[in-house]
PDB file of N, CA and C in Angstrom:
ATOM      1  N   MET A   1      -4.148   6.693  18.454  1.00  0.00           N
ATOM      2  CA  MET A   1      -4.259   6.855  16.925  1.00  0.00           C
ATOM      3  C   MET A   1      -2.580   6.875  16.545  1.00  0.00           C
ATOM      4  N   ALA A   2      -2.921   6.232  15.072  1.00  0.00           N
ATOM      5  CA  ALA A   2      -1.613   6.223  14.739  1.00  0.00           C
ATOM      6  C   ALA A   2      -0.999   7.470  14.123  1.00  0.00           C
ATOM      7  N   THR A   3       0.365   7.749  14.051  1.00  0.00           N
ATOM      8  CA  THR A   3       1.279   9.097  13.176  1.00  0.00           C
ATOM      9  C   THR A   3       1.403   8.607  12.128  1.00  0.00           C
ATOM     10  N   LYS A   4       1.680   9.830  11.134  1.00  0.00           N
ATOM     11  CA  LYS A   4       2.574   9.871  10.033  1.00  0.00           C
ATOM     12  C   LYS A   4       3.598   9.352   9.950  1.00  0.00           C
ATOM     13  N   LYS A   5       4.153   9.059  10.742  1.00  0.00           N
ATOM     14  CA  LYS A   5       5.654   8.262  10.627  1.00  0.00           C
ATOM     15  C   LYS A   5       5.189   6.674  10.939  1.00  0.00           C
ATOM     16  N   ASP A   6       4.437   6.707  12.065  1.00  0.00           N
ATOM     17  CA  ASP A   6       4.247   5.224  11.530  1.00  0.00           C
ATOM     18  C   ASP A   6       3.911   4.725  10.691  1.00  0.00           C
ATOM     19  N   VAL A   7       2.713   5.181   9.950  1.00  0.00           N
ATOM     20  CA  VAL A   7       2.232   4.995   8.474  1.00  0.00           C
ATOM     21  C   VAL A   7       3.383   5.018   7.507  1.00  0.00           C
ATOM     22  N   ARG A   8       4.061   5.752   7.532  1.00  0.00           N
ATOM     23  CA  ARG A   8       5.406   6.342   6.465  1.00  0.00           C
ATOM     24  C   ARG A   8       6.150   4.768   6.866  1.00  0.00           C
ATOM     25  N   ASP A   9       6.621   4.055   8.024  1.00  0.00           N
ATOM     26  CA  ASP A   9       7.412   3.523   8.549  1.00  0.00           C
ATOM     27  C   ASP A   9       6.893   2.031   7.817  1.00  0.00           C
ATOM     28  N   ALA A  10       5.682   1.640   8.187  1.00  0.00           N
ATOM     29  CA  ALA A  10       5.072   0.537   7.581  1.00  0.00           C
ATOM     30  C   ALA A  10       5.271   0.177   6.271  1.00  0.00           C
ATOM     31  N   LEU A  11       5.072   2.020   5.250  1.00  0.00           N
ATOM     32  CA  LEU A  11       5.196   1.673   4.059  1.00  0.00           C
ATOM     33  C   LEU A  11       6.249   1.752   3.474  1.00  0.00           C
ATOM     34  N   GLN A  12       7.621   1.992   3.982  1.00  0.00           N
ATOM     35  CA  GLN A  12       8.578   1.710   4.254  1.00  0.00           C
ATOM     36  C   GLN A  12       9.620  -0.014   3.857  1.00  0.00           C
ATOM     37  N   LYS A  13       8.508  -0.050   4.608  1.00  0.00           N
ATOM     38  CA  LYS A  13       8.744  -1.860   4.584  1.00  0.00           C
ATOM     39  C   LYS A  13       8.243  -2.417   3.319  1.00  0.00           C
ATOM     40  N   TRP A  14       7.556  -1.778   2.725  1.00  0.00           N
ATOM     41  CA  TRP A  14       6.773  -2.550   1.419  1.00  0.00           C
ATOM     42  C   TRP A  14       8.191  -2.000   0.588  1.00  0.00           C
ATOM     43  N   ILE A  15       8.578  -0.592   0.645  1.00  0.00           N
ATOM     44  CA  ILE A  15       9.766  -0.599  -0.239  1.00  0.00           C
ATOM     45  C   ILE A  15      10.941  -1.219   0.128  1.00  0.00           C
ATOM     46  N   GLN A  16      11.317  -2.105   1.235  1.00  0.00           N
ATOM     47  CA  GLN A  16      12.397  -2.810   1.409  1.00  0.00           C
ATOM     48  C   GLN A  16      12.322  -3.880   0.826  1.00  0.00           C
ATOM     49  N   LEU A  17      10.584  -4.330   1.077  1.00  0.00           N
ATOM     50  CA  LEU A  17      10.410  -5.735   0.237  1.00  0.00           C
ATOM     51  C   LEU A  17      10.530  -6.232  -0.783  1.00  0.00           C
ATOM     52  N   LEU A  18      10.642  -4.992  -1.670  1.00  0.00           N
ATOM     53  CA  LEU A  18      10.843  -4.557  -2.870  1.00  0.00           C
ATOM     54  C   LEU A  18      12.191  -4.667  -3.660  1.00  0.00           C
ATOM     55  N   ASP A  19      12.931  -3.898  -2.620  1.00  0.00           N
ATOM     56  CA  ASP A  19      14.984  -4.181  -2.650  1.00  0.00           C
ATOM     57  C   ASP A  19      15.370  -5.073  -2.476  1.00  0.00           C
ATOM     58  N   LYS A  20      14.755  -5.747  -1.403  1.00  0.00           N
ATOM     59  CA  LYS A  20      15.556  -7.411  -0.879  1.00  0.00           C
ATOM     60  C   LYS A  20      15.137  -8.394  -1.468  1.00  0.00           C
ATOM     61  N   ASN A  21      14.098  -9.140  -2.184  1.00  0.00           N
ATOM     62  CA  ASN A  21      13.366 -10.031  -2.209  1.00  0.00           C
ATOM     63  C   ASN A  21      13.194 -10.094  -3.887  1.00  0.00           C
ATOM     64  N   PRO A  22      14.083 -10.585  -4.544  1.00  0.00           N
ATOM     65  CA  PRO A  22      13.996 -10.399  -5.795  1.00  0.00           C
ATOM     66  C   PRO A  22      12.393 -11.633  -6.689  1.00  0.00           C
ATOM     67  N   ASP A  23      11.879 -12.452  -5.211  1.00  0.00           N
ATOM     68  CA  ASP A  23      10.550 -12.820  -6.065  1.00  0.00           C
ATOM     69  C   ASP A  23       9.200 -11.675  -6.261  1.00  0.00           C
ATOM     70  N   VAL A  24       9.220 -10.858  -5.087  1.00  0.00           N
ATOM     71  CA  VAL A  24       8.261  -9.861  -5.134  1.00  0.00           C
ATOM     72  C   VAL A  24       8.979  -9.104  -6.346  1.00  0.00           C
ATOM     73  N   SER A  25      10.020  -8.474  -6.143  1.00  0.00           N
ATOM     74  CA  SER A  25      10.278  -7.553  -7.486  1.00  0.00           C
ATOM     75  C   SER A  25      10.227  -7.806  -8.815  1.00  0.00           C
ATOM     76  N   GLY A  26      10.593  -9.143  -9.327  1.00  0.00           N
ATOM     77  CA  GLY A  26       9.945  -9.674 -10.247  1.00  0.00           C
ATOM     78  C   GLY A  26       8.684  -9.830 -10.845  1.00  0.00           C
ATOM     79  N   GLN A  27       7.530  -9.736  -9.428  1.00  0.00           N
ATOM     80  CA  GLN A  27       6.300  -9.463 -10.264  1.00  0.00           C
ATOM     81  C   GLN A  27       6.136  -7.937 -10.337  1.00  0.00           C
ATOM     82  N   PHE A  28       6.641  -6.730  -9.907  1.00  0.00           N
ATOM     83  CA  PHE A  28       6.358  -5.893 -11.009  1.00  0.00           C
ATOM     84  C   PHE A  28       7.384  -5.444 -11.822  1.00  0.00           C
ATOM     85  N   VAL A  29       8.110  -5.989 -12.501  1.00  0.00           N
ATOM     86  CA  VAL A  29       8.946  -5.457 -13.548  1.00  0.00           C
ATOM     87  C   VAL A  29       7.941  -5.670 -14.467  1.00  0.00           C
ATOM     88  N   GLY A  30       8.180  -3.908 -15.243  1.00  0.00           N
ATOM     89  CA  GLY A  30       7.152  -3.917 -16.048  1.00  0.00           C
ATOM     90  C   GLY A  30       6.155  -3.040 -15.708  1.00  0.00           C
ATOM     91  N   TYR A  31       5.765  -2.819 -14.235  1.00  0.00           N
ATOM     92  CA  TYR A  31       4.705  -2.129 -13.738  1.00  0.00           C
ATOM     93  C   TYR A  31       4.803  -0.737 -13.553  1.00  0.00           C
ATOM     94  N   LYS A  32       4.175   0.272 -14.313  1.00  0.00           N
ATOM     95  CA  LYS A  32       4.405   1.576 -14.082  1.00  0.00           C
ATOM     96  C   LYS A  32       3.196   2.163 -13.619  1.00  0.00           C
ATOM     97  N   LYS A  33       2.855   2.179 -12.152  1.00  0.00           N
ATOM     98  CA  LYS A  33       1.695   2.438 -11.688  1.00  0.00           C
ATOM     99  C   LYS A  33       1.851   3.594 -10.243  1.00  0.00           C
ATOM    100  N   ILE A  34       0.678   4.261 -10.207  1.00  0.00           N
ATOM    101  CA  ILE A  34       0.685   5.137  -8.728  1.00  0.00           C
ATOM    102  C   ILE A  34      -0.357   4.384  -8.228  1.00  0.00           C
ATOM    103  N   PHE A  35      -0.287   4.032  -6.954  1.00  0.00           N
ATOM    104  CA  PHE A  35      -0.929   3.996  -6.266  1.00  0.00           C
ATOM    105  C   PHE A  35      -0.780   4.653  -4.891  1.00  0.00           C
ATOM    106  N   LEU A  36      -2.175   5.145  -4.899  1.00  0.00           N
ATOM    107  CA  LEU A  36      -2.143   6.458  -3.403  1.00  0.00           C
ATOM    108  C   LEU A  36      -3.169   5.736  -2.633  1.00  0.00           C
ATOM    109  N   LEU A  37      -2.463   5.831  -1.499  1.00  0.00           N
ATOM    110  CA  LEU A  37      -3.211   5.927  -0.466  1.00  0.00           C
ATOM    111  C   LEU A  37      -3.355   7.194   0.689  1.00  0.00           C
ATOM    112  N   THR A  38      -4.542   7.342   1.417  1.00  0.00           N
ATOM    113  CA  THR A  38      -4.867   7.866   1.496  1.00  0.00           C
ATOM    114  C   THR A  38      -5.355   7.719   3.267  1.00  0.00           C
ATOM    115  N   PHE A  39      -4.721   8.170   4.237  1.00  0.00           N
ATOM    116  CA  PHE A  39      -5.229   7.985   5.335  1.00  0.00           C
ATOM    117  C   PHE A  39      -6.138   8.593   6.205  1.00  0.00           C
ATOM    118  N   THR A  40      -7.326   8.646   6.297  1.00  0.00           N
ATOM    119  CA  THR A  40      -8.103   9.594   6.334  1.00  0.00           C
ATOM    120  C   THR A  40      -8.575  10.193   7.732  1.00  0.00           C
ATOM    121  N   ASP A  41      -8.372   9.326   8.587  1.00  0.00           N
ATOM    122  CA  ASP A  41      -7.498  10.443  10.105  1.00  0.00           C
ATOM    123  C   ASP A  41      -7.107  10.897  10.116  1.00  0.00           C
ATOM    124  N   LEU A  42      -5.891  10.913   9.548  1.00  0.00           N
ATOM    125  CA  LEU A  42      -4.810  11.799   9.339  1.00  0.00           C
ATOM    126  C   LEU A  42      -4.747  13.112   8.063  1.00  0.00           C
ATOM    127  N   LYS A  43      -5.442  12.829   7.617  1.00  0.00           N
ATOM    128  CA  LYS A  43      -5.927  13.885   6.520  1.00  0.00           C
ATOM    129  C   LYS A  43      -3.887  13.844   5.720  1.00  0.00           C
ATOM    130  N   TYR A  44      -3.830  12.539   5.310  1.00  0.00           N
ATOM    131  CA  TYR A  44      -2.318  12.474   4.824  1.00  0.00           C
ATOM    132  C   TYR A  44      -2.118  11.037   3.790  1.00  0.00           C
ATOM    133  N   PRO A  45      -2.015  11.878   2.526  1.00  0.00           N
ATOM    134  CA  PRO A  45      -1.681  11.400   1.317  1.00  0.00           C
ATOM    135  C   PRO A  45      -0.555  10.580   0.815  1.00  0.00           C
ATOM    136  N   VAL A  46      -0.309   9.516   0.474  1.00  0.00           N
ATOM    137  CA  VAL A  46       1.064   9.356   0.136  1.00  0.00           C
ATOM    138  C   VAL A  46       1.021   8.658  -0.935  1.00  0.00           C
ATOM    139  N   GLN A  47       1.743   8.556  -1.921  1.00  0.00           N
ATOM    140  CA  GLN A  47       1.846   7.952  -3.098  1.00  0.00           C
ATOM    141  C   GLN A  47       3.003   7.058  -3.258  1.00  0.00           C
ATOM    142  N   MET A  48       2.566   5.683  -3.925  1.00  0.00           N
ATOM    143  CA  MET A  48       3.768   4.684  -3.597  1.00  0.00           C
ATOM    144  C   MET A  48       3.898   4.264  -5.298  1.00  0.00           C
ATOM    145  N   VAL A  49       4.444   4.738  -5.888  1.00  0.00           N
ATOM    146  CA  VAL A  49       4.949   5.497  -7.037  1.00  0.00           C
ATOM    147  C   VAL A  49       6.488   4.014  -8.136  1.00  0.00           C
ATOM    148  N   PHE A  50       5.453   3.235  -8.435  1.00  0.00           N
ATOM    149  CA  PHE A  50       6.304   2.002  -9.273  1.00  0.00           C
ATOM    150  C   PHE A  50       6.612   2.600 -10.803  1.00  0.00           C
ATOM    151  N   ASP A  51       8.070   2.362 -10.593  1.00  0.00           N
ATOM    152  CA  ASP A  51       8.589   2.498 -12.148  1.00  0.00           C
ATOM    153  C   ASP A  51       8.857   1.775 -13.314  1.00  0.00           C
ATOM    154  N   GLY A  52       8.214   0.662 -12.928  1.00  0.00           N
ATOM    155  CA  GLY A  52       8.793  -0.349 -13.813  1.00  0.00           C
ATOM    156  C   GLY A  52       9.876  -1.337 -14.095  1.00  0.00           C
ATOM    157  N   SER A  53      10.951  -1.280 -13.487  1.00  0.00           N
ATOM    158  CA  SER A  53      11.706  -1.993 -13.192  1.00  0.00           C
ATOM    159  C   SER A  53      11.810  -2.646 -11.547  1.00  0.00           C
ATOM    160  N   GLY A  54      10.266  -2.986 -11.021  1.00  0.00           N
ATOM    161  CA  GLY A  54      10.254  -3.734  -9.878  1.00  0.00           C
ATOM    162  C   GLY A  54      10.626  -3.090  -8.522  1.00  0.00           C
ATOM    163  N   LYS A  55      11.170  -1.710  -8.707  1.00  0.00           N
ATOM    164  CA  LYS A  55      10.998  -0.923  -7.477  1.00  0.00           C
ATOM    165  C   LYS A  55       9.870  -0.029  -7.505  1.00  0.00           C
ATOM    166  N   ALA A  56      10.011   1.035  -6.115  1.00  0.00           N
ATOM    167  CA  ALA A  56       8.963   1.859  -5.977  1.00  0.00           C
ATOM    168  C   ALA A  56       9.640   2.344  -4.919  1.00  0.00           C
ATOM    169  N   LYS A  57       8.905   3.795  -4.891  1.00  0.00           N
ATOM    170  CA  LYS A  57       9.107   4.950  -3.927  1.00  0.00           C
ATOM    171  C   LYS A  57       8.037   5.496  -3.529  1.00  0.00           C
ATOM    172  N   LEU A  58       8.414   6.290  -2.224  1.00  0.00           N
ATOM    173  CA  LEU A  58       7.211   6.830  -2.197  1.00  0.00           C
ATOM    174  C   LEU A  58       7.220   8.358  -1.884  1.00  0.00           C
ATOM    175  N   VAL A  59       6.313   8.858  -2.398  1.00  0.00           N
ATOM    176  CA  VAL A  59       6.112  10.338  -2.500  1.00  0.00           C
ATOM    177  C   VAL A  59       4.911  10.748  -1.833  1.00  0.00           C
ATOM    178  N   ASP A  60       5.283  12.218  -0.566  1.00  0.00           N
ATOM    179  CA  ASP A  60       3.767  12.375  -0.074  1.00  0.00           C
ATOM    180  C   ASP A  60       3.468  13.170  -0.732  1.00  0.00           C
ATOM    181  N   GLY A  61       2.264  13.760  -0.536  1.00  0.00           N
ATOM    182  CA  GLY A  61       0.697  14.115  -1.436  1.00  0.00           C
ATOM    183  C   GLY A  61       0.191  13.665  -2.060  1.00  0.00           C
ATOM    184  N   ALA A  62      -1.074  14.154  -2.471  1.00  0.00           N
ATOM    185  CA  ALA A  62      -2.080  13.714  -3.809  1.00  0.00           C
ATOM    186  C   ALA A  62      -1.313  13.765  -4.877  1.00  0.00           C
ATOM    187  N   VAL A  63      -2.376  12.608  -6.125  1.00  0.00           N
ATOM    188  CA  VAL A  63      -2.405  13.104  -7.661  1.00  0.00           C
ATOM    189  C   VAL A  63      -3.473  13.188  -7.863  1.00  0.00           C
ATOM    190  N   ALA A  64      -3.479  14.036  -9.218  1.00  0.00           N
ATOM    191  CA  ALA A  64      -5.323  13.715  -9.373  1.00  0.00           C
ATOM    192  C   ALA A  64      -6.030  12.615 -10.086  1.00  0.00           C
ATOM    193  N   ASN A  65      -4.709  12.012 -11.022  1.00  0.00           N
ATOM    194  CA  ASN A  65      -5.189  10.400 -11.539  1.00  0.00           C
ATOM    195  C   ASN A  65      -4.509   8.879 -11.154  1.00  0.00           C
ATOM    196  N   PRO A  66      -5.107   8.930 -10.044  1.00  0.00           N
ATOM    197  CA  PRO A  66      -3.763   7.719  -9.580  1.00  0.00           C
ATOM    198  C   PRO A  66      -4.248   6.418 -10.407  1.00  0.00           C
ATOM    199  N   ASP A  67      -3.322   5.169 -10.711  1.00  0.00           N
ATOM    200  CA  ASP A  67      -3.877   4.253 -11.525  1.00  0.00           C
ATOM    201  C   ASP A  67      -5.060   3.217 -10.555  1.00  0.00           C
ATOM    202  N   MET A  68      -4.875   3.663  -8.613  1.00  0.00           N
ATOM    203  CA  MET A  68      -5.232   2.865  -7.818  1.00  0.00           C
ATOM    204  C   MET A  68      -5.551   3.733  -6.827  1.00  0.00           C
ATOM    205  N   SER A  69      -6.277   3.616  -5.928  1.00  0.00           N
ATOM    206  CA  SER A  69      -6.177   4.276  -4.898  1.00  0.00           C
ATOM    207  C   SER A  69      -6.733   3.451  -3.552  1.00  0.00           C
ATOM    208  N   LEU A  70      -6.661   3.791  -1.800  1.00  0.00           N
ATOM    209  CA  LEU A  70      -7.190   3.242  -0.784  1.00  0.00           C
ATOM    210  C   LEU A  70      -7.102   4.234   0.120  1.00  0.00           C
ATOM    211  N   ALA A  71      -8.455   4.533   0.743  1.00  0.00           N
ATOM    212  CA  ALA A  71      -8.831   5.023   1.413  1.00  0.00           C
ATOM    213  C   ALA A  71      -8.629   4.184   2.579  1.00  0.00           C
ATOM    214  N   VAL A  72      -7.920   4.528   3.809  1.00  0.00           N
ATOM    215  CA  VAL A  72      -8.188   3.820   4.683  1.00  0.00           C
ATOM    216  C   VAL A  72      -7.522   4.710   6.131  1.00  0.00           C
ATOM    217  N   ASP A  73      -8.361   4.083   6.795  1.00  0.00           N
ATOM    218  CA  ASP A  73      -7.691   5.024   8.573  1.00  0.00           C
ATOM    219  C   ASP A  73      -6.309   4.320   9.060  1.00  0.00           C
ATOM    220  N   SER A  74      -5.540   5.196  10.136  1.00  0.00           N
ATOM    221  CA  SER A  74      -4.079   4.722   9.643  1.00  0.00           C
ATOM    222  C   SER A  74      -4.361   3.826  10.714  1.00  0.00           C
ATOM    223  N   GLY A  75      -5.232   3.212  12.086  1.00  0.00           N
ATOM    224  CA  GLY A  75      -4.731   2.343  12.789  1.00  0.00           C
ATOM    225  C   GLY A  75      -5.117   1.128  12.117  1.00  0.00           C
ATOM    226  N   LEU A  76      -6.523   1.174  11.222  1.00  0.00           N
ATOM    227  CA  LEU A  76      -6.537   0.044  10.695  1.00  0.00           C
ATOM    228  C   LEU A  76      -5.368  -0.700   9.496  1.00  0.00           C
ATOM    229  N   PHE A  77      -4.734   0.513   9.131  1.00  0.00           N
ATOM    230  CA  PHE A  77      -3.899   0.165   8.125  1.00  0.00           C
ATOM    231  C   PHE A  77      -3.002  -0.367   8.980  1.00  0.00           C
ATOM    232  N   LEU A  78      -2.505   0.267  10.001  1.00  0.00           N
ATOM    233  CA  LEU A  78      -0.869  -0.466  10.817  1.00  0.00           C
ATOM    234  C   LEU A  78      -1.594  -1.846  11.401  1.00  0.00           C
ATOM    235  N   LYS A  79      -2.853  -1.917  11.427  1.00  0.00           N
ATOM    236  CA  LYS A  79      -3.221  -3.658  12.223  1.00  0.00           C
ATOM    237  C   LYS A  79      -2.937  -4.453  10.982  1.00  0.00           C
ATOM    238  N   ILE A  80      -3.741  -4.351   9.724  1.00  0.00           N
ATOM    239  CA  ILE A  80      -3.311  -5.407   8.618  1.00  0.00           C
ATOM    240  C   ILE A  80      -1.988  -5.308   8.162  1.00  0.00           C
ATOM    241  N   SER A  81      -1.213  -4.229   8.151  1.00  0.00           N
ATOM    242  CA  SER A  81       0.322  -4.464   7.744  1.00  0.00           C
ATOM    243  C   SER A  81       1.094  -5.348   8.835  1.00  0.00           C
ATOM    244  N   ASN A  82       0.430  -5.076  10.097  1.00  0.00           N
ATOM    245  CA  ASN A  82       1.515  -6.147  11.329  1.00  0.00           C
ATOM    246  C   ASN A  82       0.509  -7.561  11.532  1.00  0.00           C
ATOM    247  N   GLY A  83      -0.246  -7.578  10.615  1.00  0.00           N
ATOM    248  CA  GLY A  83      -1.001  -9.199  10.817  1.00  0.00           C
ATOM    249  C   GLY A  83      -2.239  -9.463  11.747  1.00  0.00           C
ATOM    250  N   GLU A  84      -2.530  -8.110  12.398  1.00  0.00           N
ATOM    251  CA  GLU A  84      -3.989  -8.325  13.879  1.00  0.00           C
ATOM    252  C   GLU A  84      -4.674  -8.138  12.794  1.00  0.00           C
ATOM    253  N   MET A  85      -5.041  -7.677  11.598  1.00  0.00           N
ATOM    254  CA  MET A  85      -5.971  -7.364  10.505  1.00  0.00           C
ATOM    255  C   MET A  85      -6.011  -8.755   9.331  1.00  0.00           C
ATOM    256  N   ASP A  86      -7.013  -9.141   9.511  1.00  0.00           N
ATOM    257  CA  ASP A  86      -7.365 -10.051   7.902  1.00  0.00           C
ATOM    258  C   ASP A  86      -7.286  -8.471   7.105  1.00  0.00           C
ATOM    259  N   PRO A  87      -6.853  -8.463   5.719  1.00  0.00           N
ATOM    260  CA  PRO A  87      -7.551  -7.194   4.497  1.00  0.00           C
ATOM    261  C   PRO A  87      -8.339  -7.642   4.226  1.00  0.00           C
ATOM    262  N   MET A  88      -9.011  -9.214   4.237  1.00  0.00           N
ATOM    263  CA  MET A  88     -10.132  -8.993   3.390  1.00  0.00           C
ATOM    264  C   MET A  88     -11.233  -8.803   4.150  1.00  0.00           C
ATOM    265  N   GLU A  89     -11.133  -9.363   5.668  1.00  0.00           N
ATOM    266  CA  GLU A  89     -12.146  -8.714   6.360  1.00  0.00           C
ATOM    267  C   GLU A  89     -12.776  -7.550   6.710  1.00  0.00           C
ATOM    268  N   ALA A  90     -11.163  -6.692   6.239  1.00  0.00           N
ATOM    269  CA  ALA A  90     -11.543  -5.353   6.371  1.00  0.00           C
ATOM    270  C   ALA A  90     -12.432  -4.293   5.424  1.00  0.00           C
ATOM    271  N   PHE A  91     -12.115  -5.627   3.847  1.00  0.00           N
ATOM    272  CA  PHE A  91     -12.560  -5.110   2.808  1.00  0.00           C
ATOM    273  C   PHE A  91     -14.008  -5.391   2.747  1.00  0.00           C
ATOM    274  N   MET A  92     -14.402  -6.404   3.286  1.00  0.00           N
ATOM    275  CA  MET A  92     -15.979  -7.097   3.107  1.00  0.00           C
ATOM    276  C   MET A  92     -16.669  -6.210   4.263  1.00  0.00           C
ATOM    277  N   GLY A  93     -16.210  -5.676   5.026  1.00  0.00           N
ATOM    278  CA  GLY A  93     -16.738  -5.215   6.418  1.00  0.00           C
ATOM    279  C   GLY A  93     -16.875  -3.428   6.108  1.00  0.00           C
ATOM    280  N   GLY A  94     -16.044  -3.205   4.905  1.00  0.00           N
ATOM    281  CA  GLY A  94     -16.511  -1.508   4.239  1.00  0.00           C
ATOM    282  C   GLY A  94     -15.529  -0.652   4.632  1.00  0.00           C
ATOM    283  N   GLN A  95     -14.295  -1.152   5.178  1.00  0.00           N
ATOM    284  CA  GLN A  95     -13.341  -0.382   6.181  1.00  0.00           C
ATOM    285  C   GLN A  95     -11.913  -0.173   5.333  1.00  0.00           C
ATOM    286  N   LEU A  96     -12.300  -1.027   4.202  1.00  0.00           N
ATOM    287  CA  LEU A  96     -11.366  -0.246   3.102  1.00  0.00           C
ATOM    288  C   LEU A  96     -11.523  -0.177   1.939  1.00  0.00           C
ATOM    289  N   LYS A  97     -11.763   1.188   1.238  1.00  0.00           N
ATOM    290  CA  LYS A  97     -12.373   1.841   0.057  1.00  0.00           C
ATOM    291  C   LYS A  97     -11.276   2.026  -0.787  1.00  0.00           C
ATOM    292  N   PRO A  98     -11.166   0.693  -1.939  1.00  0.00           N
ATOM    293  CA  PRO A  98     -10.387   0.452  -2.724  1.00  0.00           C
ATOM    294  C   PRO A  98     -10.934   1.031  -3.882  1.00  0.00           C
ATOM    295  N   LYS A  99      -9.931   1.967  -4.947  1.00  0.00           N
ATOM    296  CA  LYS A  99     -10.778   2.178  -6.167  1.00  0.00           C
ATOM    297  C   LYS A  99      -9.636   2.001  -7.316  1.00  0.00           C
ATOM    298  N   GLY A 100     -10.346   1.530  -8.821  1.00  0.00           N
ATOM    299  CA  GLY A 100      -8.911   1.107  -9.935  1.00  0.00           C
ATOM    300  C   GLY A 100      -9.468  -0.144 -10.116  1.00  0.00           C
ATOM    301  N   ASN A 101      -8.509  -0.768 -10.879  1.00  0.00           N
ATOM    302  CA  ASN A 101      -8.132  -1.920 -11.149  1.00  0.00           C
ATOM    303  C   ASN A 101      -8.256  -2.635 -10.482  1.00  0.00           C
ATOM    304  N   MET A 102      -9.343  -3.902 -10.737  1.00  0.00           N
ATOM    305  CA  MET A 102      -9.199  -5.286  -9.317  1.00  0.00           C
ATOM    306  C   MET A 102      -7.935  -5.870  -9.341  1.00  0.00           C
ATOM    307  N   ALA A 103      -7.136  -5.766 -10.872  1.00  0.00           N
ATOM    308  CA  ALA A 103      -6.054  -6.742 -11.064  1.00  0.00           C
ATOM    309  C   ALA A 103      -4.872  -6.505 -10.198  1.00  0.00           C
ATOM    310  N   ASP A 104      -4.758  -4.886 -10.761  1.00  0.00           N
ATOM    311  CA  ASP A 104      -3.530  -4.003  -9.993  1.00  0.00           C
ATOM    312  C   ASP A 104      -3.724  -3.975  -8.667  1.00  0.00           C
ATOM    313  N   LEU A 105      -5.049  -3.797  -8.102  1.00  0.00           N
ATOM    314  CA  LEU A 105      -5.313  -3.545  -6.804  1.00  0.00           C
ATOM    315  C   LEU A 105      -4.688  -5.148  -5.886  1.00  0.00           C
ATOM    316  N   GLN A 106      -5.235  -6.066  -6.438  1.00  0.00           N
ATOM    317  CA  GLN A 106      -4.923  -7.492  -5.866  1.00  0.00           C
ATOM    318  C   GLN A 106      -3.320  -7.778  -6.042  1.00  0.00           C
ATOM    319  N   LYS A 107      -2.694  -7.322  -6.917  1.00  0.00           N
ATOM    320  CA  LYS A 107      -1.136  -7.130  -6.743  1.00  0.00           C
ATOM    321  C   LYS A 107      -0.917  -6.791  -5.597  1.00  0.00           C
ATOM    322  N   MET A 108      -1.333  -5.838  -4.862  1.00  0.00           N
ATOM    323  CA  MET A 108      -1.096  -5.101  -3.729  1.00  0.00           C
ATOM    324  C   MET A 108      -0.825  -6.041  -2.757  1.00  0.00           C
ATOM    325  N   GLU A 109      -1.668  -7.001  -2.327  1.00  0.00           N
ATOM    326  CA  GLU A 109      -1.740  -8.480  -1.720  1.00  0.00           C
ATOM    327  C   GLU A 109      -0.608  -8.589  -1.197  1.00  0.00           C
ATOM    328  N   VAL A 110       0.285  -8.647  -1.710  1.00  0.00           N
ATOM    329  CA  VAL A 110       1.750  -9.199  -1.464  1.00  0.00           C
ATOM    330  C   VAL A 110       2.697  -8.415  -0.221  1.00  0.00           C
ATOM    331  N   PHE A 111       2.341  -7.127  -0.059  1.00  0.00           N
ATOM    332  CA  PHE A 111       2.578  -6.436   1.053  1.00  0.00           C
ATOM    333  C   PHE A 111       1.802  -6.634   2.123  1.00  0.00           C
ATOM    334  N   MET A 112       0.275  -7.067   2.593  1.00  0.00           N
ATOM    335  CA  MET A 112      -0.359  -7.175   3.524  1.00  0.00           C
ATOM    336  C   MET A 112      -0.048  -8.555   4.066  1.00  0.00           C
ATOM    337  N   ASP A 113       0.834  -8.997   3.551  1.00  0.00           N
ATOM    338  CA  ASP A 113       0.832 -10.551   3.863  1.00  0.00           C
ATOM    339  C   ASP A 113       2.305 -10.229   4.169  1.00  0.00           C
ATOM    340  N   LEU A 114       3.345  -9.054   4.840  1.00  0.00           N
ATOM    341  CA  LEU A 114       4.111  -8.837   5.499  1.00  0.00           C
ATOM    342  C   LEU A 114       4.881  -9.363   6.429  1.00  0.00           C
ATOM    343  N   PHE A 115       3.473  -9.600   7.005  1.00  0.00           N
ATOM    344  CA  PHE A 115       3.767 -10.233   9.102  1.00  0.00           C
ATOM    345  C   PHE A 115       4.528 -11.416   8.790  1.00  0.00           C
ATOM    346  N   GLU A 116       4.155 -12.214   7.365  1.00  0.00           N
ATOM    347  CA  GLU A 116       4.362 -13.671   7.452  1.00  0.00           C
ATOM    348  C   GLU A 116       5.822 -13.657   6.583  1.00  0.00           C
ATOM    349  N   GLN A 117       6.384 -12.932   6.212  1.00  0.00           N
ATOM    350  CA  GLN A 117       8.178 -13.158   5.854  1.00  0.00           C
ATOM    351  C   GLN A 117       8.446 -13.377   7.011  1.00  0.00           C
TER     352      GLN A 117
END
């Protein structure tokens, strides 16, 4: 089983992608949203808070009304993050439980493809 540190480290790579890649960060300019990821097996909620400047930060804990959310097992999340599992397969198999505006959720795909960077 993955640890909180494992998933936090994987999410930190998402933050670094925004910091280092202007093509990616440019897609999030004007984007002020909260993406809540809940790692069900760890009972660990983490918010990815987009501030509208093309940047985001991680905040531990849940929020009452996130703009979008994803409930996922930590091991599956790490497999998706490192390219061992196709996120679409996981979604179609019912292993990902997203909620929120589909266009907002699709924006997150850029992070799922990190292993290709």
